[in-house]
């Protein structure tokens, strides 16, 4: 479960940084 949460947060952060 922790791994999936990290993936979601990572994607969210990546998108925010790209934008």
PDB file of N, CA and C in Angstrom:
ATOM      1  N   UNK A   1       0.844  -1.198   0.000  1.00  0.00           N
ATOM      2  CA  UNK A   1       0.000   0.000   0.000  1.00  0.00           C
ATOM      3  C   UNK A   1       0.886   1.257   0.000  1.00  0.00           C
ATOM      4  N   UNK A   2       1.952   1.187   0.773  1.00  0.00           N
ATOM      5  CA  UNK A   2       2.837   2.363   0.858  1.00  0.00           C
ATOM      6  C   UNK A   2       3.447   2.664  -0.518  1.00  0.00           C
ATOM      7  N   UNK A   3       3.803   1.602  -1.217  1.00  0.00           N
ATOM      8  CA  UNK A   3       4.446   1.801  -2.542  1.00  0.00           C
ATOM      9  C   UNK A   3       3.472   2.506  -3.478  1.00  0.00           C
ATOM     10  N   UNK A   4       2.228   2.081  -3.468  1.00  0.00           N
ATOM     11  CA  UNK A   4       1.245   2.705  -4.372  1.00  0.00           C
ATOM     12  C   UNK A   4       1.062   4.183  -4.007  1.00  0.00           C
ATOM     13  N   UNK A   5       1.047   4.459  -2.701  1.00  0.00           N
ATOM     14  CA  UNK A   5       0.865   5.863  -2.276  1.00  0.00           C
ATOM     15  C   UNK A   5       2.047   6.707  -2.747  1.00  0.00           C
ATOM     16  N   UNK A   6       3.245   6.143  -2.642  1.00  0.00           N
ATOM     17  CA  UNK A   6       4.445   6.887  -3.064  1.00  0.00           C
ATOM     18  C   UNK A   6       4.366   7.155  -4.580  1.00  0.00           C
ATOM     19  N   UNK A   7       3.883   6.176  -5.325  1.00  0.00           N
ATOM     20  CA  UNK A   7       3.791   6.362  -6.782  1.00  0.00           C
ATOM     21  C   UNK A   7       2.830   7.483  -7.101  1.00  0.00           C
ATOM     22  N   UNK A   8       1.681   7.513  -6.430  1.00  0.00           N
ATOM     23  CA  UNK A   8       0.689   8.574  -6.670  1.00  0.00           C
ATOM     24  C   UNK A   8       1.289   9.926  -6.337  1.00  0.00           C
ATOM     25  N   UNK A   9       1.914  10.009  -5.164  1.00  0.00           N
ATOM     26  CA  UNK A   9       2.501  11.300  -4.741  1.00  0.00           C
ATOM     27  C   UNK A   9       3.608  11.706  -5.727  1.00  0.00           C
ATOM     28  N   UNK A  10       4.411  10.735  -6.135  1.00  0.00           N
ATOM     29  CA  UNK A  10       5.499  11.032  -7.073  1.00  0.00           C
ATOM     30  C   UNK A  10       4.944  11.595  -8.382  1.00  0.00           C
ATOM     31  N   UNK A  11       3.908  10.959  -8.905  1.00  0.00           N
ATOM     32  CA  UNK A  11       3.321  11.437 -10.163  1.00  0.00           C
ATOM     33  C   UNK A  11       2.747  12.836  -9.985  1.00  0.00           C
ATOM     34  N   UNK A  12       2.063  13.036  -8.879  1.00  0.00           N
ATOM     35  CA  UNK A  12       1.461  14.359  -8.614  1.00  0.00           C
ATOM     36  C   UNK A  12       2.558  15.428  -8.552  1.00  0.00           C
ATOM     37  N   UNK A  13       3.624  15.116  -7.811  1.00  0.00           N
ATOM     38  CA  UNK A  13       4.714  16.086  -7.686  1.00  0.00           C
ATOM     39  C   UNK A  13       5.363  16.329  -9.047  1.00  0.00           C
ATOM     40  N   UNK A  14       5.578  15.267  -9.804  1.00  0.00           N
ATOM     41  CA  UNK A  14       6.218  15.405 -11.119  1.00  0.00           C
ATOM     42  C   UNK A  14       5.378  16.312 -12.026  1.00  0.00           C
ATOM     43  N   UNK A  15       4.082  16.069 -12.027  1.00  0.00           N
ATOM     44  CA  UNK A  15       3.204  16.893 -12.872  1.00  0.00           C
ATOM     45  C   UNK A  15       3.267  18.349 -12.435  1.00  0.00           C
ATOM     46  N   UNK A  16       3.250  18.559 -11.120  1.00  0.00           N
ATOM     47  CA  UNK A  16       3.276  19.951 -10.595  1.00  0.00           C
ATOM     48  C   UNK A  16       4.596  20.606 -10.991  1.00  0.00           C
ATOM     49  N   UNK A  17       5.687  19.884 -10.882  1.00  0.00           N
ATOM     50  CA  UNK A  17       6.998  20.473 -11.219  1.00  0.00           C
ATOM     51  C   UNK A  17       7.049  20.776 -12.715  1.00  0.00           C
ATOM     52  N   UNK A  18       6.501  19.891 -13.526  1.00  0.00           N
ATOM     53  CA  UNK A  18       6.527  20.102 -14.985  1.00  0.00           C
ATOM     54  C   UNK A  18       5.702  21.327 -15.347  1.00  0.00           C
ATOM     55  N   UNK A  19       4.546  21.462 -14.666  1.00  0.00           N
ATOM     56  CA  UNK A  19       3.660  22.592 -14.997  1.00  0.00           C
ATOM     57  C   UNK A  19       4.304  23.876 -14.498  1.00  0.00           C
TER      58      UNK A  19
END
